[in-house]
Protein backbone atom coordinates (compact mmCIF):
# COMPACT_ATOMS: atom_id res chain seq x y z
CA UNK A 1 -8.54 -33.26 -41.83
CA UNK A 2 -9.34 -32.57 -38.28
CA UNK A 3 -10.81 -29.43 -36.81
CA UNK A 4 -7.44 -28.53 -35.23
CA UNK A 5 -5.68 -28.71 -38.56
CA UNK A 6 -8.24 -26.49 -40.25
CA UNK A 7 -8.12 -23.86 -37.48
CA UNK A 8 -4.40 -24.04 -36.62
CA UNK A 9 -3.69 -20.48 -37.74
CA UNK A 10 -6.55 -19.10 -35.65
CA UNK A 11 -5.51 -21.18 -32.65
CA UNK A 12 -1.92 -19.97 -32.98
CA UNK A 13 -3.10 -16.35 -33.21
CA UNK A 14 -5.29 -16.77 -30.14
CA UNK A 15 -2.42 -18.40 -28.25
CA UNK A 16 -0.10 -15.54 -29.18
CA UNK A 17 -2.70 -12.99 -28.03
CA UNK A 18 -3.24 -14.87 -24.77
CA UNK A 19 0.53 -14.99 -24.18
CA UNK A 20 0.83 -11.26 -24.85
CA UNK A 21 -2.10 -10.53 -22.52
CA UNK A 22 -0.58 -12.65 -19.76
CA UNK A 23 2.80 -10.95 -20.20
CA UNK A 24 1.12 -7.55 -20.01
CA UNK A 25 -0.81 -8.59 -16.89
CA UNK A 26 2.45 -9.82 -15.33
CA UNK A 27 4.13 -6.49 -16.09
CA UNK A 28 1.25 -4.58 -14.54
CA UNK A 29 1.37 -6.87 -11.51
CA UNK A 30 5.10 -6.32 -11.08
CA UNK A 31 4.62 -2.54 -11.36
CA UNK A 32 1.90 -2.64 -8.70
CA UNK A 33 4.09 -4.74 -6.40
CA UNK A 34 7.08 -2.43 -6.84
CA UNK A 35 4.95 0.66 -6.16
CA UNK A 36 3.50 -0.93 -3.04
CA UNK A 37 6.95 -1.97 -1.81
CA UNK A 38 8.19 1.59 -2.37
CA UNK A 39 5.21 3.03 -0.50
CA UNK A 40 5.75 0.67 2.43
CA UNK A 41 9.47 1.48 2.50
CA UNK A 42 8.77 5.22 2.55
CA UNK A 43 6.26 4.77 5.37
CA UNK A 44 8.73 2.68 7.36
CA UNK A 45 11.48 5.23 6.77
CA UNK A 46 9.19 8.06 7.93
CA UNK A 47 8.23 6.16 11.10
CA UNK A 48 11.89 5.44 11.82
CA UNK A 49 12.83 9.10 11.35
CA UNK A 50 10.05 10.16 13.71
CA UNK A 51 11.03 7.52 16.29
CA UNK A 52 14.62 8.70 16.05
CA UNK A 53 13.50 12.26 16.73
CA UNK A 54 11.46 11.13 19.71
CA UNK A 55 14.51 9.28 21.04
CA UNK A 56 16.59 12.44 20.60
CA UNK A 57 13.94 14.47 22.40
CA UNK A 58 13.91 12.01 25.28
CA UNK A 59 17.69 12.13 25.63
CA UNK A 60 17.95 15.90 25.09
CA UNK A 61 15.02 17.42 26.99
CA UNK A 62 16.69 20.83 27.08
CA UNK A 63 16.58 20.81 23.26
CA UNK A 64 13.05 19.38 23.07
CA UNK A 65 11.63 22.11 25.32
CA UNK A 66 14.26 24.83 25.70
CA UNK A 67 13.84 27.25 28.59
CA UNK A 68 15.50 30.07 26.63
CA UNK A 69 15.89 29.49 22.91
CA UNK A 70 17.91 32.65 22.33
CA UNK A 71 20.47 31.74 24.97
CA UNK A 72 20.64 28.17 23.65
CA UNK A 73 21.05 29.33 20.04
CA UNK A 74 23.93 31.64 20.99
CA UNK A 75 25.68 29.13 23.26
CA UNK A 76 28.31 26.58 22.31
CA UNK A 77 25.40 24.13 21.90
CA UNK A 78 23.61 26.33 19.33
CA UNK A 79 24.73 24.23 16.38
CA UNK A 80 23.55 21.04 18.05
CA UNK A 81 20.21 22.66 18.85
CA UNK A 82 19.82 23.82 15.23
CA UNK A 83 20.56 20.28 14.08
CA UNK A 84 17.96 18.98 16.55
CA UNK A 85 15.28 21.27 15.09
CA UNK A 86 16.40 20.46 11.55
CA UNK A 87 15.95 16.77 12.42
CA UNK A 88 12.42 17.58 13.56
CA UNK A 89 11.81 19.24 10.19
CA UNK A 90 13.27 16.21 8.41
CA UNK A 91 10.93 13.95 10.40
CA UNK A 92 8.01 16.17 9.42
CA UNK A 93 9.03 16.04 5.76
CA UNK A 94 9.21 12.27 5.84
CA UNK A 95 5.93 11.77 7.70
CA UNK A 96 3.87 14.37 5.85
CA UNK A 97 4.88 12.94 2.48
CA UNK A 98 3.52 9.47 3.30
CA UNK A 99 0.72 9.93 5.80
CA UNK A 100 -2.06 12.43 6.34
CA UNK A 101 -3.24 13.81 9.66
CA UNK A 102 0.16 14.69 11.15
CA UNK A 103 -0.03 18.46 10.63
CA UNK A 104 -1.43 19.27 14.08
CA UNK A 105 1.11 17.00 15.78
CA UNK A 106 4.01 18.72 14.06
CA UNK A 107 2.60 22.19 14.68
CA UNK A 108 2.56 21.28 18.38
CA UNK A 109 6.13 19.96 18.15
CA UNK A 110 7.23 23.19 16.40
CA UNK A 111 5.84 25.39 19.17
CA UNK A 112 8.77 25.12 21.65
CA UNK A 113 11.11 26.06 18.76
CA UNK A 114 9.21 29.09 17.51
CA UNK A 115 12.07 31.54 18.05
CA UNK A 116 14.41 29.44 15.92
CA UNK A 117 11.75 28.56 13.31
CA UNK A 118 10.82 32.23 12.96
CA UNK A 119 14.44 33.30 12.54
CA UNK A 120 16.29 33.77 9.28
CA UNK A 121 18.61 30.91 10.26
CA UNK A 122 15.82 28.32 10.02
CA UNK A 123 15.16 26.09 7.03
CA UNK A 124 12.20 26.62 4.75
CA UNK A 125 11.19 23.00 4.30
CA UNK A 126 12.35 20.75 1.49
CA UNK A 127 8.98 19.32 0.46
CA UNK A 128 5.82 21.10 -0.57
CA UNK A 129 3.94 19.72 2.44
CA UNK A 130 6.55 20.86 4.94
CA UNK A 131 7.00 24.26 3.33
CA UNK A 132 3.23 24.80 3.52
CA UNK A 133 3.11 23.66 7.15
CA UNK A 134 6.01 25.94 8.10
CA UNK A 135 4.39 28.85 6.26
CA UNK A 136 1.17 28.27 8.22
CA UNK A 137 3.11 28.03 11.48
CA UNK A 138 5.07 31.19 10.76
CA UNK A 139 1.99 33.12 9.68
CA UNK A 140 0.21 32.32 12.93
CA UNK A 141 3.20 32.59 15.28
CA UNK A 142 6.11 34.67 14.03
CA UNK A 143 4.54 38.14 14.15
CA UNK A 144 4.46 38.03 17.94
CA UNK A 145 7.92 36.47 18.46
CA UNK A 146 10.75 38.94 19.13
CA UNK A 147 14.05 38.17 17.43
CA UNK A 148 17.01 37.07 19.51
CA UNK A 149 19.47 39.84 20.38
């Protein structure tokens, strides 16, 4: 009887364990790949949302830096302006959820829209990061901003 015949049961058990370990490693590898693909997709989506907002700002400079927010809000373009600022908030939500270090940039971008962002009509932020950023902005800015008549 050969060595293989005598140890066949042990060899089969080791082979089964090695197969199970390889299957587990493959599952872990697939999970890591899927998580990385999701992370990259969310980053790409956030960059695209921010680029889209920058394109809007370039084509609508009177919305990007309004001369008189109150007049703009109460004009026939008020809804479009609100949507413009809401798109800025959406861009912030997307970017802040995937990348750090954007808070100061978005605080600067919020500044020309302080009257709207301090009003009751403004959104509160859908994500924890954006809600915290808006709360910080409002705490430092809104006390000194008069409401629109």
